[in-house]
């Protein structure tokens, strides 16, 4: 009898947890990560967009978007995202040569993520264009 009662109570609470009403945020990027790949500072603006959809039944409000450092500048939507609609968060990386490993924290009223917070990541590598030393170039031409 105790097992049946426990099972019934557990089932009710489980069903209530899965049927949350409210806004829900789902990002299109796999693992909430954008991979810049290997890019050159001269040929890439550093701007990427995280697209998302409100899969809930209430307006989704992005209250804050912040980066782990000043080299990455995110921008958030200013208007609520209605149920079934999509939005985007633009991220601009300053393209300093070296590895890219940054996290952007999004705060919202979404009920499907803990505390309404979700972490987005950018990764990749920025390479500097190899500069040709004109003196060495001239010297190698003269040696031939």
C-alpha atoms as a PDB file:
ATOM      1  CA  UNK A   1       0.000   0.000   0.000  1.00  0.00           C
ATOM      2  CA  UNK A   2       2.800   2.405   0.876  1.00  0.00           C
ATOM      3  CA  UNK A   3       4.505   1.680  -2.444  1.00  0.00           C
ATOM      4  CA  UNK A   4       1.358   2.438  -4.419  1.00  0.00           C
ATOM      5  CA  UNK A   5       0.801   5.687  -2.524  1.00  0.00           C
ATOM      6  CA  UNK A   6       4.440   6.701  -3.022  1.00  0.00           C
ATOM      7  CA  UNK A   7       4.230   5.897  -6.729  1.00  0.00           C
ATOM      8  CA  UNK A   8       1.047   7.977  -7.133  1.00  0.00           C
ATOM      9  CA  UNK A   9       2.546  10.992  -5.349  1.00  0.00           C
ATOM     10  CA  UNK A  10       5.753  10.697  -7.370  1.00  0.00           C
ATOM     11  CA  UNK A  11       3.763  10.521 -10.637  1.00  0.00           C
ATOM     12  CA  UNK A  12       1.752  13.648  -9.803  1.00  0.00           C
ATOM     13  CA  UNK A  13       4.865  15.691  -9.001  1.00  0.00           C
ATOM     14  CA  UNK A  14       6.698  14.402 -12.075  1.00  0.00           C
ATOM     15  CA  UNK A  15       3.813  15.313 -14.367  1.00  0.00           C
ATOM     16  CA  UNK A  16       3.601  18.783 -12.817  1.00  0.00           C
ATOM     17  CA  UNK A  17       7.316  19.323 -13.419  1.00  0.00           C
ATOM     18  CA  UNK A  18       7.107  18.417 -17.106  1.00  0.00           C
ATOM     19  CA  UNK A  19       4.053  20.536 -17.831  1.00  0.00           C
ATOM     20  CA  UNK A  20       5.525  23.918 -16.921  1.00  0.00           C
ATOM     21  CA  UNK A  21       3.639  26.834 -18.359  1.00  0.00           C
ATOM     22  CA  UNK A  22       5.421  30.002 -19.370  1.00  0.00           C
ATOM     23  CA  UNK A  23       8.134  31.101 -21.758  1.00  0.00           C
ATOM     24  CA  UNK A  24      10.746  28.566 -22.854  1.00  0.00           C
ATOM     25  CA  UNK A  25      13.991  29.308 -24.663  1.00  0.00           C
ATOM     26  CA  UNK A  26      15.568  26.911 -27.162  1.00  0.00           C
ATOM     27  CA  UNK A  27      18.816  27.877 -28.923  1.00  0.00           C
ATOM     28  CA  UNK A  28      19.470  26.662 -32.485  1.00  0.00           C
ATOM     29  CA  UNK A  29      23.273  26.317 -32.048  1.00  0.00           C
ATOM     30  CA  UNK A  30      24.450  22.825 -31.152  1.00  0.00           C
ATOM     31  CA  UNK A  31      25.450  22.708 -27.473  1.00  0.00           C
ATOM     32  CA  UNK A  32      24.756  26.482 -27.330  1.00  0.00           C
ATOM     33  CA  UNK A  33      28.187  27.007 -28.911  1.00  0.00           C
ATOM     34  CA  UNK A  34      29.327  28.898 -31.989  1.00  0.00           C
ATOM     35  CA  UNK A  35      32.646  27.812 -33.461  1.00  0.00           C
ATOM     36  CA  UNK A  36      34.451  30.608 -35.309  1.00  0.00           C
ATOM     37  CA  UNK A  37      36.937  28.075 -36.659  1.00  0.00           C
ATOM     38  CA  UNK A  38      40.295  29.511 -37.695  1.00  0.00           C
ATOM     39  CA  UNK A  39      39.788  33.078 -38.874  1.00  0.00           C
ATOM     40  CA  UNK A  40      41.949  36.038 -39.804  1.00  0.00           C
ATOM     41  CA  UNK A  41      41.555  39.350 -38.021  1.00  0.00           C
ATOM     42  CA  UNK A  42      41.701  41.201 -41.339  1.00  0.00           C
ATOM     43  CA  UNK A  43      38.987  39.177 -43.069  1.00  0.00           C
ATOM     44  CA  UNK A  44      36.423  38.654 -40.281  1.00  0.00           C
ATOM     45  CA  UNK A  45      34.299  41.209 -38.408  1.00  0.00           C
ATOM     46  CA  UNK A  46      33.984  38.954 -35.339  1.00  0.00           C
ATOM     47  CA  UNK A  47      30.172  39.227 -35.299  1.00  0.00           C
ATOM     48  CA  UNK A  48      28.107  36.071 -34.819  1.00  0.00           C
ATOM     49  CA  UNK A  49      24.453  35.521 -33.854  1.00  0.00           C
ATOM     50  CA  UNK A  50      22.866  33.023 -31.494  1.00  0.00           C
ATOM     51  CA  UNK A  51      19.342  32.351 -32.759  1.00  0.00           C
ATOM     52  CA  UNK A  52      16.679  31.076 -30.392  1.00  0.00           C
ATOM     53  CA  UNK A  53      12.974  30.315 -30.324  1.00  0.00           C
ATOM     54  CA  UNK A  54      10.353  30.824 -27.640  1.00  0.00           C
ATOM     55  CA  UNK A  55       8.776  27.361 -27.455  1.00  0.00           C
ATOM     56  CA  UNK A  56       6.602  28.265 -24.466  1.00  0.00           C
ATOM     57  CA  UNK A  57       3.158  29.776 -24.137  1.00  0.00           C
ATOM     58  CA  UNK A  58       4.039  33.237 -22.772  1.00  0.00           C
ATOM     59  CA  UNK A  59       6.265  36.141 -23.927  1.00  0.00           C
ATOM     60  CA  UNK A  60      10.000  35.529 -23.383  1.00  0.00           C
ATOM     61  CA  UNK A  61      11.894  38.475 -21.927  1.00  0.00           C
ATOM     62  CA  UNK A  62      15.693  38.586 -22.098  1.00  0.00           C
ATOM     63  CA  UNK A  63      16.607  40.714 -19.082  1.00  0.00           C
ATOM     64  CA  UNK A  64      20.399  40.666 -19.276  1.00  0.00           C
ATOM     65  CA  UNK A  65      23.229  39.372 -21.469  1.00  0.00           C
ATOM     66  CA  UNK A  66      26.814  39.624 -20.265  1.00  0.00           C
ATOM     67  CA  UNK A  67      30.212  38.302 -21.263  1.00  0.00           C
ATOM     68  CA  UNK A  68      33.097  36.992 -19.201  1.00  0.00           C
ATOM     69  CA  UNK A  69      35.349  39.811 -20.485  1.00  0.00           C
ATOM     70  CA  UNK A  70      35.312  43.146 -22.304  1.00  0.00           C
ATOM     71  CA  UNK A  71      36.682  41.631 -25.519  1.00  0.00           C
ATOM     72  CA  UNK A  72      33.270  40.120 -26.262  1.00  0.00           C
ATOM     73  CA  UNK A  73      30.281  42.452 -26.567  1.00  0.00           C
ATOM     74  CA  UNK A  74      26.815  40.847 -26.672  1.00  0.00           C
ATOM     75  CA  UNK A  75      23.550  42.632 -27.525  1.00  0.00           C
ATOM     76  CA  UNK A  76      20.095  41.455 -26.473  1.00  0.00           C
ATOM     77  CA  UNK A  77      16.632  41.844 -27.989  1.00  0.00           C
ATOM     78  CA  UNK A  78      14.814  44.906 -26.659  1.00  0.00           C
ATOM     79  CA  UNK A  79      11.274  43.569 -27.162  1.00  0.00           C
ATOM     80  CA  UNK A  80       9.687  40.422 -25.671  1.00  0.00           C
ATOM     81  CA  UNK A  81       9.760  37.364 -27.954  1.00  0.00           C
ATOM     82  CA  UNK A  82       6.224  36.071 -28.425  1.00  0.00           C
ATOM     83  CA  UNK A  83       5.413  32.331 -28.230  1.00  0.00           C
ATOM     84  CA  UNK A  84       6.496  30.503 -31.399  1.00  0.00           C
ATOM     85  CA  UNK A  85       8.655  33.433 -32.580  1.00  0.00           C
ATOM     86  CA  UNK A  86      12.425  33.601 -32.921  1.00  0.00           C
ATOM     87  CA  UNK A  87      15.004  36.101 -31.754  1.00  0.00           C
ATOM     88  CA  UNK A  88      18.755  36.513 -31.774  1.00  0.00           C
ATOM     89  CA  UNK A  89      21.598  37.591 -29.551  1.00  0.00           C
ATOM     90  CA  UNK A  90      24.465  39.166 -31.471  1.00  0.00           C
ATOM     91  CA  UNK A  91      28.009  38.738 -30.177  1.00  0.00           C
ATOM     92  CA  UNK A  92      31.004  40.783 -31.353  1.00  0.00           C
ATOM     93  CA  UNK A  93      34.462  39.471 -30.526  1.00  0.00           C
ATOM     94  CA  UNK A  94      37.338  41.963 -30.877  1.00  0.00           C
ATOM     95  CA  UNK A  95      39.439  39.478 -32.908  1.00  0.00           C
ATOM     96  CA  UNK A  96      42.652  39.551 -30.868  1.00  0.00           C
ATOM     97  CA  UNK A  97      45.044  36.921 -32.269  1.00  0.00           C
ATOM     98  CA  UNK A  98      44.978  33.679 -30.293  1.00  0.00           C
ATOM     99  CA  UNK A  99      42.461  31.172 -29.022  1.00  0.00           C
ATOM    100  CA  UNK A 100      38.821  32.171 -28.497  1.00  0.00           C
ATOM    101  CA  UNK A 101      37.170  30.634 -25.436  1.00  0.00           C
ATOM    102  CA  UNK A 102      34.456  32.933 -24.066  1.00  0.00           C
ATOM    103  CA  UNK A 103      31.149  32.475 -22.247  1.00  0.00           C
ATOM    104  CA  UNK A 104      28.081  34.706 -22.537  1.00  0.00           C
ATOM    105  CA  UNK A 105      25.435  34.444 -19.801  1.00  0.00           C
ATOM    106  CA  UNK A 106      21.811  35.067 -20.791  1.00  0.00           C
ATOM    107  CA  UNK A 107      19.258  35.893 -18.095  1.00  0.00           C
ATOM    108  CA  UNK A 108      15.562  35.580 -18.922  1.00  0.00           C
ATOM    109  CA  UNK A 109      12.161  34.632 -17.596  1.00  0.00           C
ATOM    110  CA  UNK A 110      12.388  31.183 -19.263  1.00  0.00           C
ATOM    111  CA  UNK A 111      10.979  28.380 -17.132  1.00  0.00           C
ATOM    112  CA  UNK A 112      12.862  25.542 -18.853  1.00  0.00           C
ATOM    113  CA  UNK A 113      16.334  26.584 -17.649  1.00  0.00           C
ATOM    114  CA  UNK A 114      17.433  26.759 -14.034  1.00  0.00           C
ATOM    115  CA  UNK A 115      17.001  30.260 -12.639  1.00  0.00           C
ATOM    116  CA  UNK A 116      16.276  31.565 -16.146  1.00  0.00           C
ATOM    117  CA  UNK A 117      20.038  31.600 -16.856  1.00  0.00           C
ATOM    118  CA  UNK A 118      21.727  29.880 -19.760  1.00  0.00           C
ATOM    119  CA  UNK A 119      25.387  29.888 -20.842  1.00  0.00           C
ATOM    120  CA  UNK A 120      26.385  30.414 -24.473  1.00  0.00           C
ATOM    121  CA  UNK A 121      29.924  29.791 -25.689  1.00  0.00           C
ATOM    122  CA  UNK A 122      32.102  30.965 -28.542  1.00  0.00           C
ATOM    123  CA  UNK A 123      35.299  29.213 -29.538  1.00  0.00           C
ATOM    124  CA  UNK A 124      37.858  29.250 -32.311  1.00  0.00           C
ATOM    125  CA  UNK A 125      41.197  30.776 -33.176  1.00  0.00           C
ATOM    126  CA  UNK A 126      42.181  34.142 -34.613  1.00  0.00           C
ATOM    127  CA  UNK A 127      45.370  34.183 -36.645  1.00  0.00           C
ATOM    128  CA  UNK A 128      47.349  37.283 -37.518  1.00  0.00           C
ATOM    129  CA  UNK A 129      48.193  37.839 -41.150  1.00  0.00           C
ATOM    130  CA  UNK A 130      51.845  36.991 -41.647  1.00  0.00           C
ATOM    131  CA  UNK A 131      53.744  40.155 -42.437  1.00  0.00           C
ATOM    132  CA  UNK A 132      56.448  40.032 -45.076  1.00  0.00           C
ATOM    133  CA  UNK A 133      59.646  41.786 -44.132  1.00  0.00           C
ATOM    134  CA  UNK A 134      60.561  43.855 -47.202  1.00  0.00           C
ATOM    135  CA  UNK A 135      64.273  43.831 -46.360  1.00  0.00           C
ATOM    136  CA  UNK A 136      64.364  40.027 -46.263  1.00  0.00           C
ATOM    137  CA  UNK A 137      62.364  39.822 -49.466  1.00  0.00           C
ATOM    138  CA  UNK A 138      64.742  42.223 -51.247  1.00  0.00           C
ATOM    139  CA  UNK A 139      67.765  40.337 -49.887  1.00  0.00           C
ATOM    140  CA  UNK A 140      66.457  36.963 -51.108  1.00  0.00           C
ATOM    141  CA  UNK A 141      65.776  38.393 -54.583  1.00  0.00           C
ATOM    142  CA  UNK A 142      69.318  39.834 -54.787  1.00  0.00           C
ATOM    143  CA  UNK A 143      70.888  36.478 -53.796  1.00  0.00           C
ATOM    144  CA  UNK A 144      69.345  34.724 -56.800  1.00  0.00           C
END
